[in-house]
């Protein structure tokens, strides 16, 4: 059954739907943008080859990733034996078990 609501997209003429869709496409691809691209970037936001900005941001990302990995590794070592098994009485197995339990019940 057709809806009589004129604001319903299903009731709009096809040429109006195309115009609306085109606006979304232009906006998502950066067309008709008044913003100037940042130095070292293309208008679509990607980096230019050899860009100093790309090198700096990549370096920051690498440092953050390394810090996170070290932090995670240190946390895992607190409750584990050298062979990877859990230490007796460690809180880590309880925390990880709770996380797994919660994850399995989210669906």
PDB file of N, CA and C in Angstrom:
ATOM      1  N   UNK A   1       0.846  -1.175   0.000  1.00  0.00           N
ATOM      2  CA  UNK A   1       0.000   0.000   0.000  1.00  0.00           C
ATOM      3  C   UNK A   1       0.889   1.235   0.000  1.00  0.00           C
ATOM      4  N   UNK A   2       0.636   2.158  -0.891  1.00  0.00           N
ATOM      5  CA  UNK A   2       1.442   3.367  -1.013  1.00  0.00           C
ATOM      6  C   UNK A   2       1.105   4.343   0.101  1.00  0.00           C
ATOM      7  N   UNK A   3       2.128   5.007   0.597  1.00  0.00           N
ATOM      8  CA  UNK A   3       1.971   6.001   1.643  1.00  0.00           C
ATOM      9  C   UNK A   3       1.647   7.329   0.989  1.00  0.00           C
ATOM     10  N   UNK A   4       0.743   8.101   1.551  1.00  0.00           N
ATOM     11  CA  UNK A   4       0.380   9.387   0.962  1.00  0.00           C
ATOM     12  C   UNK A   4       1.222  10.533   1.513  1.00  0.00           C
ATOM     13  N   UNK A   5       2.169  10.240   2.381  1.00  0.00           N
ATOM     14  CA  UNK A   5       3.029  11.260   2.965  1.00  0.00           C
ATOM     15  C   UNK A   5       3.970  11.799   1.887  1.00  0.00           C
ATOM     16  N   UNK A   6       3.894  13.089   1.532  1.00  0.00           N
ATOM     17  CA  UNK A   6       4.739  13.625   0.467  1.00  0.00           C
ATOM     18  C   UNK A   6       6.227  13.672   0.846  1.00  0.00           C
ATOM     19  N   UNK A   7       6.540  13.632   2.139  1.00  0.00           N
ATOM     20  CA  UNK A   7       7.942  13.664   2.566  1.00  0.00           C
ATOM     21  C   UNK A   7       8.583  12.286   2.515  1.00  0.00           C
ATOM     22  N   UNK A   8       7.794  11.253   2.255  1.00  0.00           N
ATOM     23  CA  UNK A   8       8.309   9.896   2.173  1.00  0.00           C
ATOM     24  C   UNK A   8       9.121   9.762   0.886  1.00  0.00           C
ATOM     25  N   UNK A   9      10.353   9.285   1.010  1.00  0.00           N
ATOM     26  CA  UNK A   9      11.225   9.181  -0.166  1.00  0.00           C
ATOM     27  C   UNK A   9      10.613   8.307  -1.262  1.00  0.00           C
ATOM     28  N   UNK A  10       9.855   7.322  -0.894  1.00  0.00           N
ATOM     29  CA  UNK A  10       9.258   6.444  -1.899  1.00  0.00           C
ATOM     30  C   UNK A  10       8.257   7.191  -2.775  1.00  0.00           C
ATOM     31  N   UNK A  11       7.723   8.293  -2.279  1.00  0.00           N
ATOM     32  CA  UNK A  11       6.731   9.058  -3.035  1.00  0.00           C
ATOM     33  C   UNK A  11       7.335  10.195  -3.850  1.00  0.00           C
ATOM     34  N   UNK A  12       8.639  10.448  -3.724  1.00  0.00           N
ATOM     35  CA  UNK A  12       9.268  11.531  -4.474  1.00  0.00           C
ATOM     36  C   UNK A  12       9.512  11.108  -5.925  1.00  0.00           C
ATOM     37  N   UNK A  13       9.445  12.056  -6.828  1.00  0.00           N
ATOM     38  CA  UNK A  13       9.779  11.746  -8.218  1.00  0.00           C
ATOM     39  C   UNK A  13      11.254  11.326  -8.324  1.00  0.00           C
ATOM     40  N   UNK A  14      11.539  10.467  -9.295  1.00  0.00           N
ATOM     41  CA  UNK A  14      12.891   9.912  -9.442  1.00  0.00           C
ATOM     42  C   UNK A  14      13.942  10.989  -9.672  1.00  0.00           C
ATOM     43  N   UNK A  15      13.616  12.054 -10.408  1.00  0.00           N
ATOM     44  CA  UNK A  15      14.608  13.102 -10.642  1.00  0.00           C
ATOM     45  C   UNK A  15      14.968  13.843  -9.354  1.00  0.00           C
ATOM     46  N   UNK A  16      14.001  14.001  -8.446  1.00  0.00           N
ATOM     47  CA  UNK A  16      14.301  14.618  -7.150  1.00  0.00           C
ATOM     48  C   UNK A  16      15.172  13.691  -6.300  1.00  0.00           C
ATOM     49  N   UNK A  17      14.894  12.397  -6.335  1.00  0.00           N
ATOM     50  CA  UNK A  17      15.708  11.429  -5.600  1.00  0.00           C
ATOM     51  C   UNK A  17      17.146  11.447  -6.104  1.00  0.00           C
ATOM     52  N   UNK A  18      17.338  11.507  -7.414  1.00  0.00           N
ATOM     53  CA  UNK A  18      18.693  11.565  -7.980  1.00  0.00           C
ATOM     54  C   UNK A  18      19.426  12.824  -7.528  1.00  0.00           C
ATOM     55  N   UNK A  19      18.711  13.953  -7.504  1.00  0.00           N
ATOM     56  CA  UNK A  19      19.333  15.212  -7.088  1.00  0.00           C
ATOM     57  C   UNK A  19      19.776  15.143  -5.627  1.00  0.00           C
ATOM     58  N   UNK A  20      18.951  14.562  -4.782  1.00  0.00           N
ATOM     59  CA  UNK A  20      19.299  14.412  -3.365  1.00  0.00           C
ATOM     60  C   UNK A  20      20.494  13.478  -3.210  1.00  0.00           C
ATOM     61  N   UNK A  21      20.473  12.371  -3.924  1.00  0.00           N
ATOM     62  CA  UNK A  21      21.577  11.416  -3.852  1.00  0.00           C
ATOM     63  C   UNK A  21      22.869  12.038  -4.370  1.00  0.00           C
ATOM     64  N   UNK A  22      22.785  12.845  -5.412  1.00  0.00           N
ATOM     65  CA  UNK A  22      23.978  13.488  -5.967  1.00  0.00           C
ATOM     66  C   UNK A  22      24.596  14.449  -4.960  1.00  0.00           C
ATOM     67  N   UNK A  23      23.774  15.160  -4.199  1.00  0.00           N
ATOM     68  CA  UNK A  23      24.289  16.072  -3.175  1.00  0.00           C
ATOM     69  C   UNK A  23      25.105  15.295  -2.141  1.00  0.00           C
ATOM     70  N   UNK A  24      24.600  14.157  -1.732  1.00  0.00           N
ATOM     71  CA  UNK A  24      25.338  13.323  -0.779  1.00  0.00           C
ATOM     72  C   UNK A  24      26.645  12.830  -1.364  1.00  0.00           C
ATOM     73  N   UNK A  25      26.627  12.442  -2.607  1.00  0.00           N
ATOM     74  CA  UNK A  25      27.840  11.983  -3.266  1.00  0.00           C
ATOM     75  C   UNK A  25      28.871  13.080  -3.395  1.00  0.00           C
ATOM     76  N   UNK A  26      28.425  14.272  -3.771  1.00  0.00           N
ATOM     77  CA  UNK A  26      29.351  15.401  -3.893  1.00  0.00           C
ATOM     78  C   UNK A  26      29.952  15.738  -2.537  1.00  0.00           C
ATOM     79  N   UNK A  27      29.131  15.730  -1.501  1.00  0.00           N
ATOM     80  CA  UNK A  27      29.616  16.069  -0.160  1.00  0.00           C
ATOM     81  C   UNK A  27      30.625  15.044   0.338  1.00  0.00           C
ATOM     82  N   UNK A  28      30.367  13.768   0.073  1.00  0.00           N
ATOM     83  CA  UNK A  28      31.263  12.732   0.588  1.00  0.00           C
ATOM     84  C   UNK A  28      32.582  12.674  -0.167  1.00  0.00           C
ATOM     85  N   UNK A  29      32.618  13.170  -1.379  1.00  0.00           N
ATOM     86  CA  UNK A  29      33.843  13.129  -2.167  1.00  0.00           C
ATOM     87  C   UNK A  29      34.563  14.472  -2.206  1.00  0.00           C
ATOM     88  N   UNK A  30      34.085  15.420  -1.426  1.00  0.00           N
ATOM     89  CA  UNK A  30      34.783  16.686  -1.300  1.00  0.00           C
ATOM     90  C   UNK A  30      34.586  17.658  -2.441  1.00  0.00           C
ATOM     91  N   UNK A  31      33.666  17.412  -3.330  1.00  0.00           N
ATOM     92  CA  UNK A  31      33.437  18.343  -4.418  1.00  0.00           C
ATOM     93  C   UNK A  31      32.734  19.590  -3.895  1.00  0.00           C
ATOM     94  N   UNK A  32      32.962  20.694  -4.539  1.00  0.00           N
ATOM     95  CA  UNK A  32      32.351  21.970  -4.182  1.00  0.00           C
ATOM     96  C   UNK A  32      32.757  22.414  -2.785  1.00  0.00           C
ATOM     97  N   UNK A  33      33.917  21.987  -2.338  1.00  0.00           N
ATOM     98  CA  UNK A  33      34.389  22.348  -1.011  1.00  0.00           C
ATOM     99  C   UNK A  33      35.079  23.705  -1.081  1.00  0.00           C
ATOM    100  N   UNK A  34      34.843  24.536  -0.069  1.00  0.00           N
ATOM    101  CA  UNK A  34      35.499  25.835  -0.010  1.00  0.00           C
ATOM    102  C   UNK A  34      36.774  25.764   0.817  1.00  0.00           C
ATOM    103  N   UNK A  35      37.015  24.653   1.487  1.00  0.00           N
ATOM    104  CA  UNK A  35      38.215  24.486   2.303  1.00  0.00           C
ATOM    105  C   UNK A  35      39.434  24.281   1.415  1.00  0.00           C
ATOM    106  N   UNK A  36      40.530  24.883   1.814  1.00  0.00           N
ATOM    107  CA  UNK A  36      41.797  24.672   1.127  1.00  0.00           C
ATOM    108  C   UNK A  36      42.436  23.409   1.695  1.00  0.00           C
ATOM    109  N   UNK A  37      43.036  22.569   0.837  1.00  0.00           N
ATOM    110  CA  UNK A  37      43.689  21.377   1.369  1.00  0.00           C
ATOM    111  C   UNK A  37      44.863  21.757   2.257  1.00  0.00           C
ATOM    112  N   UNK A  38      45.111  20.944   3.266  1.00  0.00           N
ATOM    113  CA  UNK A  38      46.233  21.189   4.154  1.00  0.00           C
ATOM    114  C   UNK A  38      47.531  20.933   3.398  1.00  0.00           C
ATOM    115  N   UNK A  39      48.591  21.553   3.858  1.00  0.00           N
ATOM    116  CA  UNK A  39      49.890  21.373   3.233  1.00  0.00           C
ATOM    117  C   UNK A  39      50.292  19.901   3.295  1.00  0.00           C
ATOM    118  N   UNK A  40      50.765  19.363   2.174  1.00  0.00           N
ATOM    119  CA  UNK A  40      51.188  17.969   2.124  1.00  0.00           C
ATOM    120  C   UNK A  40      50.060  16.997   1.837  1.00  0.00           C
ATOM    121  N   UNK A  41      48.856  17.524   1.578  1.00  0.00           N
ATOM    122  CA  UNK A  41      47.696  16.670   1.301  1.00  0.00           C
ATOM    123  C   UNK A  41      47.045  17.064  -0.014  1.00  0.00           C
ATOM    124  N   UNK A  42      46.375  16.096  -0.600  1.00  0.00           N
ATOM    125  CA  UNK A  42      45.570  16.349  -1.797  1.00  0.00           C
ATOM    126  C   UNK A  42      44.214  16.898  -1.339  1.00  0.00           C
ATOM    127  N   UNK A  43      43.410  17.444  -2.264  1.00  0.00           N
ATOM    128  CA  UNK A  43      42.089  17.949  -1.873  1.00  0.00           C
ATOM    129  C   UNK A  43      41.190  16.893  -1.234  1.00  0.00           C
ATOM    130  N   UNK A  44      41.393  15.612  -1.579  1.00  0.00           N
ATOM    131  CA  UNK A  44      40.555  14.564  -0.980  1.00  0.00           C
ATOM    132  C   UNK A  44      41.053  14.133   0.395  1.00  0.00           C
ATOM    133  N   UNK A  45      42.153  14.744   0.882  1.00  0.00           N
ATOM    134  CA  UNK A  45      42.651  14.450   2.216  1.00  0.00           C
ATOM    135  C   UNK A  45      43.777  13.437   2.272  1.00  0.00           C
ATOM    136  N   UNK A  46      44.057  12.758   1.162  1.00  0.00           N
ATOM    137  CA  UNK A  46      45.149  11.788   1.153  1.00  0.00           C
ATOM    138  C   UNK A  46      46.477  12.528   1.091  1.00  0.00           C
ATOM    139  N   UNK A  47      47.533  11.859   1.517  1.00  0.00           N
ATOM    140  CA  UNK A  47      48.845  12.505   1.563  1.00  0.00           C
ATOM    141  C   UNK A  47      49.521  12.496   0.195  1.00  0.00           C
ATOM    142  N   UNK A  48      50.314  13.534  -0.052  1.00  0.00           N
ATOM    143  CA  UNK A  48      51.150  13.584  -1.240  1.00  0.00           C
ATOM    144  C   UNK A  48      52.378  12.715  -0.997  1.00  0.00           C
ATOM    145  N   UNK A  49      52.918  12.067  -2.033  1.00  0.00           N
ATOM    146  CA  UNK A  49      54.113  11.248  -1.849  1.00  0.00           C
ATOM    147  C   UNK A  49      55.258  12.076  -1.267  1.00  0.00           C
ATOM    148  N   UNK A  50      55.923  11.548  -0.246  1.00  0.00           N
ATOM    149  CA  UNK A  50      57.049  12.221   0.380  1.00  0.00           C
ATOM    150  C   UNK A  50      56.661  13.374   1.286  1.00  0.00           C
ATOM    151  N   UNK A  51      55.381  13.493   1.621  1.00  0.00           N
ATOM    152  CA  UNK A  51      54.895  14.591   2.440  1.00  0.00           C
ATOM    153  C   UNK A  51      55.477  14.536   3.848  1.00  0.00           C
ATOM    154  N   UNK A  52      55.962  15.674   4.335  1.00  0.00           N
ATOM    155  CA  UNK A  52      56.499  15.753   5.698  1.00  0.00           C
ATOM    156  C   UNK A  52      55.387  15.518   6.712  1.00  0.00           C
ATOM    157  N   UNK A  53      54.180  15.994   6.422  1.00  0.00           N
ATOM    158  CA  UNK A  53      53.037  15.793   7.315  1.00  0.00           C
ATOM    159  C   UNK A  53      52.767  14.298   7.487  1.00  0.00           C
ATOM    160  N   UNK A  54      52.820  13.549   6.388  1.00  0.00           N
ATOM    161  CA  UNK A  54      52.584  12.105   6.457  1.00  0.00           C
ATOM    162  C   UNK A  54      53.645  11.428   7.316  1.00  0.00           C
ATOM    163  N   UNK A  55      54.895  11.850   7.166  1.00  0.00           N
ATOM    164  CA  UNK A  55      55.974  11.267   7.963  1.00  0.00           C
ATOM    165  C   UNK A  55      55.774  11.541   9.446  1.00  0.00           C
ATOM    166  N   UNK A  56      55.413  12.781   9.774  1.00  0.00           N
ATOM    167  CA  UNK A  56      55.225  13.154  11.178  1.00  0.00           C
ATOM    168  C   UNK A  56      54.049  12.407  11.807  1.00  0.00           C
ATOM    169  N   UNK A  57      52.916  12.369  11.093  1.00  0.00           N
ATOM    170  CA  UNK A  57      51.743  11.685  11.638  1.00  0.00           C
ATOM    171  C   UNK A  57      51.965  10.178  11.713  1.00  0.00           C
ATOM    172  N   UNK A  58      52.662   9.620  10.746  1.00  0.00           N
ATOM    173  CA  UNK A  58      52.982   8.196  10.794  1.00  0.00           C
ATOM    174  C   UNK A  58      53.870   7.866  11.972  1.00  0.00           C
ATOM    175  N   UNK A  59      54.802   8.746  12.254  1.00  0.00           N
ATOM    176  CA  UNK A  59      55.699   8.548  13.387  1.00  0.00           C
ATOM    177  C   UNK A  59      54.923   8.588  14.706  1.00  0.00           C
ATOM    178  N   UNK A  60      54.015   9.543  14.827  1.00  0.00           N
ATOM    179  CA  UNK A  60      53.190   9.629  16.038  1.00  0.00           C
ATOM    180  C   UNK A  60      52.367   8.358  16.202  1.00  0.00           C
ATOM    181  N   UNK A  61      51.755   7.895  15.112  1.00  0.00           N
ATOM    182  CA  UNK A  61      50.963   6.664  15.177  1.00  0.00           C
ATOM    183  C   UNK A  61      51.806   5.472  15.575  1.00  0.00           C
ATOM    184  N   UNK A  62      53.032   5.413  15.071  1.00  0.00           N
ATOM    185  CA  UNK A  62      53.921   4.317  15.427  1.00  0.00           C
ATOM    186  C   UNK A  62      54.280   4.331  16.898  1.00  0.00           C
ATOM    187  N   UNK A  63      54.542   5.512  17.433  1.00  0.00           N
ATOM    188  CA  UNK A  63      54.884   5.620  18.858  1.00  0.00           C
ATOM    189  C   UNK A  63      53.696   5.228  19.731  1.00  0.00           C
ATOM    190  N   UNK A  64      52.512   5.678  19.372  1.00  0.00           N
ATOM    191  CA  UNK A  64      51.316   5.340  20.150  1.00  0.00           C
ATOM    192  C   UNK A  64      51.071   3.835  20.109  1.00  0.00           C
ATOM    193  N   UNK A  65      51.201   3.234  18.930  1.00  0.00           N
ATOM    194  CA  UNK A  65      50.984   1.792  18.799  1.00  0.00           C
ATOM    195  C   UNK A  65      51.995   1.024  19.636  1.00  0.00           C
ATOM    196  N   UNK A  66      53.243   1.470  19.625  1.00  0.00           N
ATOM    197  CA  UNK A  66      54.284   0.789  20.403  1.00  0.00           C
ATOM    198  C   UNK A  66      54.007   0.912  21.900  1.00  0.00           C
ATOM    199  N   UNK A  67      53.637   2.120  22.339  1.00  0.00           N
ATOM    200  CA  UNK A  67      53.324   2.314  23.760  1.00  0.00           C
ATOM    201  C   UNK A  67      52.164   1.432  24.184  1.00  0.00           C
ATOM    202  N   UNK A  68      51.159   1.333  23.337  1.00  0.00           N
ATOM    203  CA  UNK A  68      49.999   0.497  23.648  1.00  0.00           C
ATOM    204  C   UNK A  68      50.404  -0.981  23.731  1.00  0.00           C
ATOM    205  N   UNK A  69      51.246  -1.413  22.807  1.00  0.00           N
ATOM    206  CA  UNK A  69      51.684  -2.810  22.809  1.00  0.00           C
ATOM    207  C   UNK A  69      52.511  -3.116  24.053  1.00  0.00           C
ATOM    208  N   UNK A  70      53.386  -2.202  24.445  1.00  0.00           N
ATOM    209  CA  UNK A  70      54.215  -2.407  25.638  1.00  0.00           C
ATOM    210  C   UNK A  70      53.331  -2.447  26.878  1.00  0.00           C
ATOM    211  N   UNK A  71      52.375  -1.532  26.946  1.00  0.00           N
ATOM    212  CA  UNK A  71      51.462  -1.486  28.086  1.00  0.00           C
ATOM    213  C   UNK A  71      50.651  -2.777  28.179  1.00  0.00           C
ATOM    214  N   UNK A  72      50.145  -3.234  27.064  1.00  0.00           N
ATOM    215  CA  UNK A  72      49.359  -4.468  27.027  1.00  0.00           C
ATOM    216  C   UNK A  72      50.226  -5.668  27.402  1.00  0.00           C
ATOM    217  N   UNK A  73      51.451  -5.695  26.892  1.00  0.00           N
ATOM    218  CA  UNK A  73      52.367  -6.793  27.191  1.00  0.00           C
ATOM    219  C   UNK A  73      52.687  -6.827  28.681  1.00  0.00           C
ATOM    220  N   UNK A  74      52.918  -5.654  29.273  1.00  0.00           N
ATOM    221  CA  UNK A  74      53.221  -5.590  30.701  1.00  0.00           C
ATOM    222  C   UNK A  74      52.033  -6.046  31.536  1.00  0.00           C
ATOM    223  N   UNK A  75      50.825  -5.688  31.115  1.00  0.00           N
ATOM    224  CA  UNK A  75      49.628  -6.105  31.847  1.00  0.00           C
ATOM    225  C   UNK A  75      49.476  -7.624  31.788  1.00  0.00           C
ATOM    226  N   UNK A  76      49.731  -8.190  30.616  1.00  0.00           N
ATOM    227  CA  UNK A  76      49.605  -9.640  30.472  1.00  0.00           C
ATOM    228  C   UNK A  76      50.643 -10.389  31.284  1.00  0.00           C
ATOM    229  N   UNK A  77      51.823  -9.813  31.463  1.00  0.00           N
ATOM    230  CA  UNK A  77      52.887 -10.485  32.209  1.00  0.00           C
ATOM    231  C   UNK A  77      52.576 -10.547  33.696  1.00  0.00           C
ATOM    232  N   UNK A  78      51.761  -9.629  34.184  1.00  0.00           N
ATOM    233  CA  UNK A  78      51.461  -9.573  35.610  1.00  0.00           C
ATOM    234  C   UNK A  78      50.808 -10.854  36.120  1.00  0.00           C
ATOM    235  N   UNK A  79      49.955 -11.454  35.322  1.00  0.00           N
ATOM    236  CA  UNK A  79      49.219 -12.611  35.793  1.00  0.00           C
ATOM    237  C   UNK A  79      49.575 -13.905  35.089  1.00  0.00           C
ATOM    238  N   UNK A  80      50.720 -13.934  34.392  1.00  0.00           N
ATOM    239  CA  UNK A  80      51.082 -15.123  33.624  1.00  0.00           C
ATOM    240  C   UNK A  80      52.461 -15.653  34.012  1.00  0.00           C
ATOM    241  N   UNK A  81      52.600 -16.942  33.859  1.00  0.00           N
ATOM    242  CA  UNK A  81      53.894 -17.598  34.019  1.00  0.00           C
ATOM    243  C   UNK A  81      54.683 -17.435  32.721  1.00  0.00           C
ATOM    244  N   UNK A  82      55.995 -17.696  32.730  1.00  0.00           N
ATOM    245  CA  UNK A  82      56.789 -17.566  31.507  1.00  0.00           C
ATOM    246  C   UNK A  82      56.284 -18.421  30.345  1.00  0.00           C
ATOM    247  N   UNK A  83      55.616 -19.531  30.656  1.00  0.00           N
ATOM    248  CA  UNK A  83      55.103 -20.381  29.583  1.00  0.00           C
ATOM    249  C   UNK A  83      53.732 -19.931  29.069  1.00  0.00           C
ATOM    250  N   UNK A  84      53.218 -18.811  29.615  1.00  0.00           N
ATOM    251  CA  UNK A  84      51.945 -18.276  29.146  1.00  0.00           C
ATOM    252  C   UNK A  84      50.743 -18.694  29.955  1.00  0.00           C
ATOM    253  N   UNK A  85      50.893 -19.660  30.846  1.00  0.00           N
ATOM    254  CA  UNK A  85      49.781 -20.071  31.692  1.00  0.00           C
ATOM    255  C   UNK A  85      49.554 -19.030  32.778  1.00  0.00           C
ATOM    256  N   UNK A  86      48.370 -19.033  33.372  1.00  0.00           N
ATOM    257  CA  UNK A  86      48.060 -18.056  34.415  1.00  0.00           C
ATOM    258  C   UNK A  86      48.708 -18.432  35.736  1.00  0.00           C
ATOM    259  N   UNK A  87      49.153 -17.405  36.472  1.00  0.00           N
ATOM    260  CA  UNK A  87      49.699 -17.614  37.806  1.00  0.00           C
ATOM    261  C   UNK A  87      48.547 -17.907  38.760  1.00  0.00           C
ATOM    262  N   UNK A  88      48.824 -18.729  39.743  1.00  0.00           N
ATOM    263  CA  UNK A  88      47.803 -19.086  40.729  1.00  0.00           C
ATOM    264  C   UNK A  88      47.435 -17.847  41.533  1.00  0.00           C
ATOM    265  N   UNK A  89      46.150 -17.582  41.649  1.00  0.00           N
ATOM    266  CA  UNK A  89      45.664 -16.443  42.426  1.00  0.00           C
ATOM    267  C   UNK A  89      45.731 -15.109  41.692  1.00  0.00           C
ATOM    268  N   UNK A  90      46.139 -15.097  40.449  1.00  0.00           N
ATOM    269  CA  UNK A  90      46.234 -13.845  39.695  1.00  0.00           C
ATOM    270  C   UNK A  90      44.842 -13.323  39.346  1.00  0.00           C
ATOM    271  N   UNK A  91      44.716 -12.010  39.287  1.00  0.00           N
ATOM    272  CA  UNK A  91      43.433 -11.392  38.951  1.00  0.00           C
ATOM    273  C   UNK A  91      43.176 -11.403  37.445  1.00  0.00           C
ATOM    274  N   UNK A  92      44.225 -11.507  36.648  1.00  0.00           N
ATOM    275  CA  UNK A  92      44.092 -11.444  35.197  1.00  0.00           C
ATOM    276  C   UNK A  92      43.136 -12.496  34.624  1.00  0.00           C
ATOM    277  N   UNK A  93      43.225 -13.774  35.044  1.00  0.00           N
ATOM    278  CA  UNK A  93      42.293 -14.754  34.474  1.00  0.00           C
ATOM    279  C   UNK A  93      40.832 -14.408  34.742  1.00  0.00           C
ATOM    280  N   UNK A  94      40.574 -13.869  35.922  1.00  0.00           N
ATOM    281  CA  UNK A  94      39.197 -13.493  36.273  1.00  0.00           C
ATOM    282  C   UNK A  94      38.720 -12.351  35.367  1.00  0.00           C
ATOM    283  N   UNK A  95      39.594 -11.342  35.167  1.00  0.00           N
ATOM    284  CA  UNK A  95      39.235 -10.206  34.315  1.00  0.00           C
ATOM    285  C   UNK A  95      38.971 -10.663  32.880  1.00  0.00           C
ATOM    286  N   UNK A  96      39.861 -11.479  32.352  1.00  0.00           N
ATOM    287  CA  UNK A  96      39.707 -11.940  30.971  1.00  0.00           C
ATOM    288  C   UNK A  96      38.489 -12.840  30.811  1.00  0.00           C
ATOM    289  N   UNK A  97      38.229 -13.656  31.800  1.00  0.00           N
ATOM    290  CA  UNK A  97      37.040 -14.514  31.757  1.00  0.00           C
ATOM    291  C   UNK A  97      35.764 -13.694  31.778  1.00  0.00           C
ATOM    292  N   UNK A  98      35.752 -12.641  32.590  1.00  0.00           N
ATOM    293  CA  UNK A  98      34.572 -11.771  32.651  1.00  0.00           C
ATOM    294  C   UNK A  98      34.369 -11.066  31.318  1.00  0.00           C
ATOM    295  N   UNK A  99      35.463 -10.594  30.702  1.00  0.00           N
ATOM    296  CA  UNK A  99      35.353  -9.937  29.400  1.00  0.00           C
ATOM    297  C   UNK A  99      34.793 -10.901  28.355  1.00  0.00           C
ATOM    298  N   UNK A 100      35.277 -12.121  28.373  1.00  0.00           N
ATOM    299  CA  UNK A 100      34.779 -13.113  27.423  1.00  0.00           C
ATOM    300  C   UNK A 100      33.319 -13.440  27.665  1.00  0.00           C
ATOM    301  N   UNK A 101      32.951 -13.535  28.927  1.00  0.00           N
ATOM    302  CA  UNK A 101      31.549 -13.804  29.261  1.00  0.00           C
ATOM    303  C   UNK A 101      30.636 -12.705  28.806  1.00  0.00           C
ATOM    304  N   UNK A 102      31.055 -11.457  29.038  1.00  0.00           N
ATOM    305  CA  UNK A 102      30.242 -10.318  28.608  1.00  0.00           C
ATOM    306  C   UNK A 102      30.140 -10.273  27.085  1.00  0.00           C
ATOM    307  N   UNK A 103      31.239 -10.539  26.411  1.00  0.00           N
ATOM    308  CA  UNK A 103      31.246 -10.507  24.952  1.00  0.00           C
ATOM    309  C   UNK A 103      30.326 -11.587  24.365  1.00  0.00           C
ATOM    310  N   UNK A 104      30.275 -12.725  25.025  1.00  0.00           N
ATOM    311  CA  UNK A 104      29.444 -13.815  24.488  1.00  0.00           C
ATOM    312  C   UNK A 104      27.962 -13.582  24.709  1.00  0.00           C
ATOM    313  N   UNK A 105      27.609 -12.649  25.590  1.00  0.00           N
ATOM    314  CA  UNK A 105      26.200 -12.392  25.884  1.00  0.00           C
ATOM    315  C   UNK A 105      25.692 -11.091  25.277  1.00  0.00           C
ATOM    316  N   UNK A 106      26.463 -10.459  24.416  1.00  0.00           N
ATOM    317  CA  UNK A 106      26.030  -9.199  23.819  1.00  0.00           C
ATOM    318  C   UNK A 106      25.102  -9.392  22.644  1.00  0.00           C
ATOM    319  N   UNK A 107      25.039 -10.559  22.076  1.00  0.00           N
ATOM    320  CA  UNK A 107      24.176 -10.773  20.896  1.00  0.00           C
ATOM    321  C   UNK A 107      22.822 -11.134  21.307  1.00  0.00           C
TER     322      UNK A 107
END
